[in-house]
Amino acid sequence: MAQAGLQPIPALSARVIDTTGTLDAAQRQALEDKLSAFEIANGSQIVVLLLPTTQPEDIVAYTQRVGDSWKIGRKDIGDGLLLVVAKNDRAVRIATSKTLEGAIPDLAARQVIDRAITPRFREGDFSGGLNAGIDQISAFISGEKLPAPDGSKGAGDPGSHGLHFVFLFFIAVPFAARLFSAIMGRKFGTVLTGSAIGVLTWLLTASLVLGVLAGMAGIVFALASVLASGARSAGWGTGLSGFGSGRNSGGSSGLGGNGFSSGGGGNFGGGGASGKW
């Protein structure tokens, strides 16, 4: 509920919330799937919020209110991160929960904004800026030794596995999806890519459950990568929606925005950085 005179805080309904209409459906879904795959692999929750303005508050104060309200991150761990964009204010903020302040110090957050996000925003490439920023943020979090996500406890060092997952999903999947799709067609290419990711995850973690989840995420992320590269058809637009319907049946830990909810972590202590473009 909005305080008098202040911008309201939207309901936490997905990992990517765009109240400005800046991202098209494919861009929003691709980013949603990327964040979902990262959460499954690492446990940490990252949420992106785009809104027109935070006025009369500055973006720091508004983001703090959002963090206090949404309480993202795992309960008793509190490993949540917010990336807030106030489009009309030309302002962006990365806010870290206290648990992630070591993984992403204020200086590192500022560098992500200055080097990855705002240069692309100045060119009007908001999707590219957000994806570049999330890729760097994910790499920082993956290097931190955090508790393993549910389903992979006892499978080894989560920090080490996290780096493997970042490589698989953000580098190997897009390359393999385009390669296999060119050779075998989009349908079989993306399924083969996801299956390979699932098998590799199973071998890395010794967790069949995590392997299955990673395989599902790999298929979705492969589809999103192919669509984002321009390989789009009417039939596959329907197919992507079908995958979304199936995966959302798993609840808040599923791969889509529907059913997503806060982990109940919260505890944003003011860490992070802001920038302008």
Protein backbone atom coordinates (compact mmCIF):
# COMPACT_ATOMS: atom_id res chain seq x y z
CA MET A 1 0.00 0.00 0.00
CA ALA A 2 1.38 3.42 -0.99
CA GLN A 3 2.21 5.97 1.66
CA ALA A 4 0.58 9.37 1.11
CA GLY A 5 2.26 11.20 -1.74
CA LEU A 6 4.74 8.41 -2.49
CA GLN A 7 4.96 6.07 -5.46
CA PRO A 8 3.21 2.75 -4.79
CA ILE A 9 5.14 -0.51 -4.57
CA PRO A 10 3.83 -3.01 -7.12
CA ALA A 11 2.86 -6.51 -6.11
CA LEU A 12 5.71 -9.02 -6.31
CA SER A 13 4.35 -11.18 -9.12
CA ALA A 14 7.48 -12.12 -11.10
CA ARG A 15 11.25 -11.77 -11.19
CA VAL A 16 10.89 -9.10 -13.88
CA ILE A 17 8.26 -6.40 -13.30
CA ASP A 18 8.04 -3.72 -16.00
CA THR A 19 5.40 -1.08 -15.34
CA THR A 20 6.79 1.10 -18.18
CA GLY A 21 6.22 -1.27 -21.11
CA THR A 22 9.88 -0.89 -22.07
CA LEU A 23 10.55 -4.61 -22.58
CA ASP A 24 8.57 -6.58 -25.11
CA ALA A 25 7.11 -9.97 -24.17
CA ALA A 26 10.04 -11.99 -25.54
CA GLN A 27 12.65 -9.80 -23.82
CA ARG A 28 10.82 -9.92 -20.52
CA GLN A 29 10.37 -13.70 -20.67
CA ALA A 30 14.01 -14.31 -21.62
CA LEU A 31 15.19 -12.27 -18.64
CA GLU A 32 12.65 -13.95 -16.37
CA ASP A 33 13.91 -17.37 -17.45
CA LYS A 34 17.53 -16.34 -16.92
CA LEU A 35 16.80 -15.21 -13.36
CA SER A 36 14.75 -18.34 -12.68
CA ALA A 37 17.54 -20.63 -13.89
CA PHE A 38 20.02 -18.75 -11.71
CA GLU A 39 17.77 -19.06 -8.65
CA ILE A 40 17.35 -22.80 -9.19
CA ALA A 41 21.10 -23.27 -9.51
CA ASN A 42 22.25 -20.94 -6.73
CA GLY A 43 19.29 -20.21 -4.47
CA SER A 44 19.67 -16.41 -4.46
CA GLN A 45 16.72 -14.34 -5.66
CA ILE A 46 17.23 -11.44 -8.08
CA VAL A 47 14.31 -9.22 -9.04
CA VAL A 48 14.25 -6.48 -11.70
CA LEU A 49 11.79 -3.59 -11.43
CA LEU A 50 11.22 -0.93 -14.08
CA LEU A 51 8.95 1.98 -13.23
CA PRO A 52 8.50 5.50 -14.65
CA THR A 53 9.69 7.45 -11.60
CA THR A 54 10.41 7.19 -7.89
CA GLN A 55 9.63 10.87 -7.23
CA PRO A 56 9.23 12.51 -4.78
CA GLU A 57 11.73 10.05 -3.29
CA ASP A 58 15.14 9.43 -4.73
CA ILE A 59 15.81 5.95 -6.07
CA VAL A 60 17.75 4.94 -2.94
CA ALA A 61 14.84 5.59 -0.59
CA TYR A 62 12.29 4.02 -2.92
CA THR A 63 14.38 0.89 -3.46
CA GLN A 64 14.79 0.51 0.30
CA ARG A 65 11.01 0.57 0.68
CA VAL A 66 10.67 -2.06 -2.04
CA GLY A 67 13.26 -4.28 -0.36
CA ASP A 68 11.56 -3.94 3.04
CA SER A 69 8.20 -4.79 1.46
CA TRP A 70 9.16 -7.66 -0.84
CA LYS A 71 11.69 -9.40 1.43
CA ILE A 72 13.28 -11.34 -1.39
CA GLY A 73 16.03 -13.88 -0.81
CA ARG A 74 15.88 -17.17 1.06
CA LYS A 75 14.50 -17.11 4.58
CA ASP A 76 17.23 -17.28 7.25
CA ILE A 77 19.79 -16.56 4.49
CA GLY A 78 18.52 -13.29 3.05
CA ASP A 79 20.36 -13.51 -0.27
CA GLY A 80 18.22 -11.16 -2.33
CA LEU A 81 19.15 -8.46 -4.83
CA LEU A 82 17.07 -5.71 -6.44
CA LEU A 83 17.81 -3.97 -9.72
CA VAL A 84 15.52 -0.94 -9.99
CA VAL A 85 15.24 1.32 -13.05
CA ALA A 86 13.39 4.65 -12.86
CA LYS A 87 13.14 5.31 -16.58
CA ASN A 88 11.90 8.91 -16.63
CA ASP A 89 14.41 9.84 -13.90
CA ARG A 90 17.18 8.15 -15.92
CA ALA A 91 18.27 6.47 -12.70
CA VAL A 92 19.21 2.89 -11.85
CA ARG A 93 20.05 1.21 -8.56
CA ILE A 94 21.46 -2.14 -7.51
CA ALA A 95 20.52 -2.92 -3.90
CA THR A 96 21.99 -5.90 -2.08
CA SER A 97 20.74 -7.66 1.01
CA LYS A 98 23.23 -7.80 3.88
CA THR A 99 24.17 -11.38 3.01
CA LEU A 100 25.28 -10.34 -0.50
CA GLU A 101 27.21 -7.23 0.50
CA GLY A 102 30.41 -9.30 0.56
CA ALA A 103 29.75 -10.82 -2.85
CA ILE A 104 28.88 -7.46 -4.42
CA PRO A 105 30.52 -4.57 -2.54
CA ASP A 106 29.29 -1.07 -3.31
CA LEU A 107 32.22 -0.43 -5.67
CA ALA A 108 31.49 -3.59 -7.65
CA ALA A 109 27.82 -2.64 -7.92
CA ARG A 110 28.81 0.80 -9.19
CA GLN A 111 31.11 -0.73 -11.80
CA VAL A 112 28.31 -3.00 -13.05
CA ILE A 113 26.10 0.06 -13.47
CA ASP A 114 28.77 2.22 -15.12
CA ARG A 115 30.31 -0.41 -17.40
CA ALA A 116 27.50 -2.82 -18.25
CA ILE A 117 24.13 -1.14 -17.75
CA THR A 118 24.10 2.61 -18.37
CA PRO A 119 26.23 2.61 -21.57
CA ARG A 120 23.56 0.42 -23.22
CA PHE A 121 20.72 2.43 -21.68
CA ARG A 122 22.14 5.57 -23.32
CA GLU A 123 21.80 3.81 -26.68
CA GLY A 124 18.20 2.87 -25.92
CA ASP A 125 19.09 -0.81 -25.45
CA PHE A 126 17.35 -1.47 -22.15
CA SER A 127 17.12 -5.23 -22.61
CA GLY A 128 20.82 -5.42 -23.43
CA GLY A 129 21.75 -3.29 -20.43
CA LEU A 130 19.68 -5.35 -18.04
CA ASN A 131 21.01 -8.65 -19.37
CA ALA A 132 24.62 -7.47 -19.27
CA GLY A 133 24.16 -6.24 -15.70
CA ILE A 134 22.47 -9.44 -14.56
CA ASP A 135 25.22 -11.57 -16.11
CA GLN A 136 27.88 -9.71 -14.09
CA ILE A 137 25.79 -9.74 -10.93
CA SER A 138 25.20 -13.48 -11.29
CA ALA A 139 28.92 -14.11 -11.68
CA PHE A 140 29.66 -12.16 -8.48
CA ILE A 141 27.03 -14.06 -6.48
CA SER A 142 28.16 -17.42 -7.88
CA GLY A 143 31.65 -16.79 -6.52
CA GLU A 144 30.31 -16.39 -2.98
CA LYS A 145 30.10 -19.46 -0.72
CA LEU A 146 26.41 -19.47 0.09
CA PRO A 147 24.28 -22.41 1.28
CA ALA A 148 23.28 -24.72 -1.56
CA PRO A 149 19.73 -24.42 -2.90
CA ASP A 150 17.13 -26.95 -1.82
CA GLY A 151 17.62 -30.26 -3.59
CA SER A 152 21.38 -29.97 -3.90
CA LYS A 153 22.56 -29.97 -0.29
CA GLY A 154 25.58 -32.12 0.19
CA ALA A 155 26.40 -32.00 -3.50
CA GLY A 156 29.65 -30.09 -3.01
CA ASP A 157 30.84 -26.49 -2.88
CA PRO A 158 27.97 -24.23 -4.01
CA GLY A 159 30.33 -21.46 -5.03
CA SER A 160 32.22 -23.76 -7.38
CA HIS A 161 29.02 -25.21 -8.82
CA GLY A 162 27.62 -21.72 -9.23
CA LEU A 163 30.45 -20.76 -11.56
CA HIS A 164 29.73 -23.86 -13.62
CA PHE A 165 26.06 -22.93 -13.84
CA VAL A 166 26.86 -19.37 -14.92
CA PHE A 167 29.02 -20.75 -17.72
CA LEU A 168 26.42 -23.32 -18.77
CA PHE A 169 23.42 -21.00 -18.87
CA PHE A 170 24.91 -17.69 -19.95
CA ILE A 171 27.60 -18.87 -22.38
CA ALA A 172 27.15 -22.51 -23.39
CA VAL A 173 23.34 -22.55 -23.76
CA PRO A 174 22.99 -19.63 -26.21
CA PHE A 175 25.85 -20.97 -28.35
CA ALA A 176 24.65 -24.58 -28.31
CA ALA A 177 21.01 -23.60 -28.93
CA ARG A 178 21.85 -21.64 -32.05
CA LEU A 179 24.24 -24.32 -33.31
CA PHE A 180 21.91 -27.29 -32.74
CA SER A 181 18.89 -25.36 -34.03
CA ALA A 182 20.72 -24.56 -37.25
CA ILE A 183 21.60 -28.24 -37.74
CA MET A 184 18.51 -30.01 -36.38
CA GLY A 185 15.78 -27.38 -36.35
CA ARG A 186 14.60 -25.26 -33.45
CA LYS A 187 12.50 -27.88 -31.70
CA PHE A 188 15.06 -30.68 -31.55
CA GLY A 189 17.96 -28.26 -31.15
CA THR A 190 16.54 -26.63 -28.03
CA VAL A 191 15.45 -29.94 -26.51
CA LEU A 192 18.91 -31.42 -27.12
CA THR A 193 20.53 -28.34 -25.55
CA GLY A 194 18.34 -28.58 -22.44
CA SER A 195 18.92 -32.31 -22.12
CA ALA A 196 22.68 -31.80 -22.28
CA ILE A 197 22.50 -29.13 -19.57
CA GLY A 198 20.47 -31.47 -17.38
CA VAL A 199 22.96 -34.31 -17.73
CA LEU A 200 25.94 -32.03 -17.05
CA THR A 201 24.22 -30.58 -13.98
CA TRP A 202 23.46 -34.07 -12.69
CA LEU A 203 27.12 -35.06 -13.13
CA LEU A 204 28.35 -31.87 -11.43
CA THR A 205 26.03 -32.00 -8.43
CA ALA A 206 25.13 -35.70 -8.11
CA SER A 207 21.54 -34.47 -7.70
CA LEU A 208 18.96 -35.96 -10.06
CA VAL A 209 16.36 -33.42 -8.94
CA LEU A 210 18.65 -30.49 -9.73
CA GLY A 211 19.59 -32.14 -13.03
CA VAL A 212 15.94 -32.37 -14.08
CA LEU A 213 15.24 -28.77 -13.06
CA ALA A 214 18.35 -27.53 -14.85
CA GLY A 215 17.35 -29.49 -17.96
CA MET A 216 13.92 -27.84 -17.95
CA ALA A 217 15.52 -24.44 -17.45
CA GLY A 218 18.00 -25.21 -20.22
CA ILE A 219 15.20 -25.92 -22.70
CA VAL A 220 13.39 -22.71 -21.82
CA PHE A 221 16.56 -20.63 -21.85
CA ALA A 222 17.61 -22.20 -25.17
CA LEU A 223 14.24 -21.27 -26.69
CA ALA A 224 14.56 -17.73 -25.36
CA SER A 225 18.08 -17.45 -26.78
CA VAL A 226 16.94 -18.59 -30.22
CA LEU A 227 13.99 -16.18 -30.17
CA ALA A 228 16.15 -13.31 -28.97
CA SER A 229 18.58 -13.90 -31.85
CA GLY A 230 15.78 -13.34 -34.33
CA ALA A 231 14.87 -16.96 -35.05
CA ARG A 232 11.17 -16.56 -34.38
CA SER A 233 8.06 -18.10 -35.90
CA ALA A 234 4.37 -18.06 -35.05
CA GLY A 235 4.42 -21.74 -34.17
CA TRP A 236 7.26 -21.32 -31.70
CA GLY A 237 5.60 -18.35 -30.04
CA THR A 238 2.80 -20.72 -29.13
CA GLY A 239 5.30 -23.39 -28.14
CA LEU A 240 7.06 -21.07 -25.73
CA SER A 241 3.77 -20.29 -24.04
CA GLY A 242 3.14 -24.00 -23.75
CA PHE A 243 6.43 -24.56 -21.99
CA GLY A 244 5.52 -21.74 -19.58
CA SER A 245 2.19 -23.35 -18.73
CA GLY A 246 3.81 -26.67 -17.94
CA ARG A 247 6.64 -25.40 -15.82
CA ASN A 248 4.56 -23.10 -13.67
CA SER A 249 2.73 -26.02 -12.11
CA GLY A 250 5.66 -26.47 -9.74
CA GLY A 251 4.85 -23.40 -7.63
CA SER A 252 7.13 -20.57 -6.58
CA SER A 253 10.31 -22.45 -7.42
CA GLY A 254 9.12 -22.97 -11.01
CA LEU A 255 10.74 -21.39 -14.01
CA GLY A 256 8.12 -18.83 -14.96
CA GLY A 257 6.82 -15.62 -13.46
CA ASN A 258 3.41 -17.09 -12.52
CA GLY A 259 3.49 -18.47 -9.00
CA PHE A 260 6.75 -16.70 -8.11
CA SER A 261 6.91 -15.37 -4.58
CA SER A 262 9.37 -13.94 -2.10
CA GLY A 263 11.62 -16.31 -0.24
CA GLY A 264 10.97 -14.30 2.94
CA GLY A 265 14.59 -13.22 3.39
CA GLY A 266 14.61 -9.47 3.24
CA ASN A 267 17.04 -7.51 5.42
CA PHE A 268 18.28 -4.91 2.94
CA GLY A 269 20.75 -2.80 4.85
CA GLY A 270 21.45 -0.06 2.32
CA GLY A 271 24.27 -1.75 0.42
CA GLY A 272 24.61 -1.26 -3.31
CA ALA A 273 25.04 1.64 -5.73
CA SER A 274 23.10 4.04 -7.94
CA GLY A 275 23.82 5.66 -11.26
CA LYS A 276 22.42 7.87 -14.02
CA TRP A 277 22.50 7.69 -17.80
